[in-house]
C-alpha atoms as a PDB file:
ATOM      1  CA  UNK A   1       0.514  -0.090  -0.034  1.00  0.00           C
ATOM      2  CA  UNK A   2       3.099   2.146   0.446  1.00  0.00           C
ATOM      3  CA  UNK A   3       3.925   1.992  -2.930  1.00  0.00           C
ATOM      4  CA  UNK A   4       1.215   2.726  -4.052  1.00  0.00           C
ATOM      5  CA  UNK A   5       0.375   5.738  -2.156  1.00  0.00           C
ATOM      6  CA  UNK A   6       4.919   6.612  -2.959  1.00  0.00           C
ATOM      7  CA  UNK A   7       3.931   6.273  -7.088  1.00  0.00           C
ATOM      8  CA  UNK A   8       0.207   9.131  -6.994  1.00  0.00           C
ATOM      9  CA  UNK A   9       2.455  11.599  -5.045  1.00  0.00           C
ATOM     10  CA  UNK A  10       5.321  11.355  -7.297  1.00  0.00           C
ATOM     11  CA  UNK A  11       3.144  11.549 -10.162  1.00  0.00           C
ATOM     12  CA  UNK A  12       0.894  14.681  -9.036  1.00  0.00           C
ATOM     13  CA  UNK A  13       4.867  16.228  -8.217  1.00  0.00           C
ATOM     14  CA  UNK A  14       5.680  15.793 -11.814  1.00  0.00           C
ATOM     15  CA  UNK A  15       2.616  16.683 -13.521  1.00  0.00           C
ATOM     16  CA  UNK A  16       2.423  20.069 -11.102  1.00  0.00           C
ATOM     17  CA  UNK A  17       5.471  20.585 -11.125  1.00  0.00           C
ATOM     18  CA  UNK A  18       4.657  20.984 -15.745  1.00  0.00           C
ATOM     19  CA  UNK A  19       2.196  22.986 -15.411  1.00  0.00           C
ATOM     20  CA  UNK A  20       3.723  25.403 -13.228  1.00  0.00           C
ATOM     21  CA  UNK A  21       6.593  25.648 -16.840  1.00  0.00           C
ATOM     22  CA  UNK A  22       5.256  28.084 -19.189  1.00  0.00           C
ATOM     23  CA  UNK A  23       6.996  29.979 -22.090  1.00  0.00           C
ATOM     24  CA  UNK A  24       6.978  33.340 -23.405  1.00  0.00           C
ATOM     25  CA  UNK A  25       9.517  34.739 -26.220  1.00  0.00           C
ATOM     26  CA  UNK A  26      10.561  38.285 -26.385  1.00  0.00           C
ATOM     27  CA  UNK A  27      12.682  40.947 -28.886  1.00  0.00           C
ATOM     28  CA  UNK A  28      15.852  41.465 -27.604  1.00  0.00           C
ATOM     29  CA  UNK A  29      17.760  43.977 -29.181  1.00  0.00           C
ATOM     30  CA  UNK A  30      20.900  41.523 -29.774  1.00  0.00           C
ATOM     31  CA  UNK A  31      23.236  41.788 -32.486  1.00  0.00           C
ATOM     32  CA  UNK A  32      25.829  38.754 -32.096  1.00  0.00           C
ATOM     33  CA  UNK A  33      26.912  35.915 -30.658  1.00  0.00           C
ATOM     34  CA  UNK A  34      28.298  37.194 -27.864  1.00  0.00           C
ATOM     35  CA  UNK A  35      24.774  38.918 -27.062  1.00  0.00           C
ATOM     36  CA  UNK A  36      23.671  35.072 -26.987  1.00  0.00           C
ATOM     37  CA  UNK A  37      26.218  34.229 -25.384  1.00  0.00           C
ATOM     38  CA  UNK A  38      25.673  37.141 -22.465  1.00  0.00           C
ATOM     39  CA  UNK A  39      22.077  36.974 -23.048  1.00  0.00           C
ATOM     40  CA  UNK A  40      21.440  33.004 -21.771  1.00  0.00           C
ATOM     41  CA  UNK A  41      24.445  32.889 -19.349  1.00  0.00           C
ATOM     42  CA  UNK A  42      23.023  35.726 -17.221  1.00  0.00           C
ATOM     43  CA  UNK A  43      18.930  34.091 -17.798  1.00  0.00           C
ATOM     44  CA  UNK A  44      20.466  30.675 -16.619  1.00  0.00           C
ATOM     45  CA  UNK A  45      21.044  31.888 -12.891  1.00  0.00           C
ATOM     46  CA  UNK A  46      17.835  33.692 -13.460  1.00  0.00           C
ATOM     47  CA  UNK A  47      15.264  33.036 -10.339  1.00  0.00           C
ATOM     48  CA  UNK A  48      12.778  30.714 -11.856  1.00  0.00           C
ATOM     49  CA  UNK A  49      14.317  30.262 -15.208  1.00  0.00           C
ATOM     50  CA  UNK A  50      14.359  26.988 -16.322  1.00  0.00           C
ATOM     51  CA  UNK A  51      15.888  27.737 -19.897  1.00  0.00           C
ATOM     52  CA  UNK A  52      16.720  30.695 -22.652  1.00  0.00           C
ATOM     53  CA  UNK A  53      17.828  30.283 -26.434  1.00  0.00           C
ATOM     54  CA  UNK A  54      18.327  33.535 -28.040  1.00  0.00           C
ATOM     55  CA  UNK A  55      17.650  33.378 -32.061  1.00  0.00           C
ATOM     56  CA  UNK A  56      20.070  35.724 -33.518  1.00  0.00           C
ATOM     57  CA  UNK A  57      18.260  35.454 -37.039  1.00  0.00           C
ATOM     58  CA  UNK A  58      14.974  37.602 -35.493  1.00  0.00           C
ATOM     59  CA  UNK A  59      16.424  38.238 -32.127  1.00  0.00           C
ATOM     60  CA  UNK A  60      13.763  36.842 -29.914  1.00  0.00           C
ATOM     61  CA  UNK A  61      14.602  35.122 -26.501  1.00  0.00           C
ATOM     62  CA  UNK A  62      12.399  32.289 -25.664  1.00  0.00           C
ATOM     63  CA  UNK A  63      12.509  31.442 -22.287  1.00  0.00           C
ATOM     64  CA  UNK A  64      11.177  29.006 -20.070  1.00  0.00           C
ATOM     65  CA  UNK A  65      10.611  29.430 -16.770  1.00  0.00           C
ATOM     66  CA  UNK A  66       8.875  28.513 -14.028  1.00  0.00           C
ATOM     67  CA  UNK A  67       5.289  30.866 -12.955  1.00  0.00           C
ATOM     68  CA  UNK A  68       5.870  30.101  -9.907  1.00  0.00           C
ATOM     69  CA  UNK A  69       8.745  31.473  -8.831  1.00  0.00           C
ATOM     70  CA  UNK A  70       9.241  34.478 -11.989  1.00  0.00           C
ATOM     71  CA  UNK A  71       7.083  36.076 -14.565  1.00  0.00           C
ATOM     72  CA  UNK A  72       7.925  37.721 -18.228  1.00  0.00           C
ATOM     73  CA  UNK A  73       7.372  40.912 -16.559  1.00  0.00           C
ATOM     74  CA  UNK A  74      10.777  40.374 -15.063  1.00  0.00           C
ATOM     75  CA  UNK A  75      12.173  38.772 -17.456  1.00  0.00           C
ATOM     76  CA  UNK A  76      12.034  41.081 -19.557  1.00  0.00           C
ATOM     77  CA  UNK A  77      13.434  43.852 -17.218  1.00  0.00           C
ATOM     78  CA  UNK A  78      16.351  41.259 -16.140  1.00  0.00           C
ATOM     79  CA  UNK A  79      17.032  41.777 -19.554  1.00  0.00           C
ATOM     80  CA  UNK A  80      17.104  45.096 -19.907  1.00  0.00           C
ATOM     81  CA  UNK A  81      19.136  45.366 -17.081  1.00  0.00           C
ATOM     82  CA  UNK A  82      21.925  43.434 -18.852  1.00  0.00           C
ATOM     83  CA  UNK A  83      21.994  45.737 -21.381  1.00  0.00           C
ATOM     84  CA  UNK A  84      19.366  44.706 -24.187  1.00  0.00           C
ATOM     85  CA  UNK A  85      16.019  46.141 -24.890  1.00  0.00           C
ATOM     86  CA  UNK A  86      13.154  44.018 -23.970  1.00  0.00           C
ATOM     87  CA  UNK A  87      10.523  44.630 -26.689  1.00  0.00           C
ATOM     88  CA  UNK A  88       9.305  47.814 -24.905  1.00  0.00           C
ATOM     89  CA  UNK A  89      10.949  47.615 -21.652  1.00  0.00           C
ATOM     90  CA  UNK A  90      14.466  50.345 -23.268  1.00  0.00           C
ATOM     91  CA  UNK A  91      17.762  49.025 -21.810  1.00  0.00           C
ATOM     92  CA  UNK A  92      19.827  50.318 -18.636  1.00  0.00           C
ATOM     93  CA  UNK A  93      22.388  52.968 -20.588  1.00  0.00           C
ATOM     94  CA  UNK A  94      24.613  52.198 -17.782  1.00  0.00           C
ATOM     95  CA  UNK A  95      24.167  48.341 -18.540  1.00  0.00           C
ATOM     96  CA  UNK A  96      24.108  49.279 -21.880  1.00  0.00           C
ATOM     97  CA  UNK A  97      27.667  51.260 -21.956  1.00  0.00           C
ATOM     98  CA  UNK A  98      29.474  48.520 -20.113  1.00  0.00           C
ATOM     99  CA  UNK A  99      29.005  45.822 -23.281  1.00  0.00           C
ATOM    100  CA  UNK A 100      31.626  45.071 -26.044  1.00  0.00           C
ATOM    101  CA  UNK A 101      31.288  47.016 -28.668  1.00  0.00           C
ATOM    102  CA  UNK A 102      30.185  44.606 -31.121  1.00  0.00           C
ATOM    103  CA  UNK A 103      27.068  43.820 -28.753  1.00  0.00           C
ATOM    104  CA  UNK A 104      26.680  48.046 -28.935  1.00  0.00           C
ATOM    105  CA  UNK A 105      24.784  48.182 -32.060  1.00  0.00           C
ATOM    106  CA  UNK A 106      27.193  48.517 -35.080  1.00  0.00           C
ATOM    107  CA  UNK A 107      27.628  51.505 -32.568  1.00  0.00           C
ATOM    108  CA  UNK A 108      24.755  53.383 -33.526  1.00  0.00           C
ATOM    109  CA  UNK A 109      21.835  51.639 -31.064  1.00  0.00           C
ATOM    110  CA  UNK A 110      22.174  55.007 -28.866  1.00  0.00           C
ATOM    111  CA  UNK A 111      20.135  57.065 -32.196  1.00  0.00           C
ATOM    112  CA  UNK A 112      17.074  53.852 -31.645  1.00  0.00           C
ATOM    113  CA  UNK A 113      16.806  54.579 -27.995  1.00  0.00           C
END
């Protein structure tokens, strides 16, 4: 009997966790492989983020996250704090100035802010 109870509890935990996992796509201002590496590395340390993948062709960051620990707005805010635009949120100018030159939109990003 204890085996069955344990199996039921484990199944409930497994399915309960999957229900909390959501995905969001965020348009960024990333331009190069260093941007991709910077954003994905930083997202790995963001509470609640399970995975992230930046498509450089579209500049869209796909983030899988635990909805009980974070939300899309917090994720967007974190991206701006790294130095990149995130959908309609503008990047932090100070963080942007610390990015490598290749990540600064070819030097023309300030015109776009």
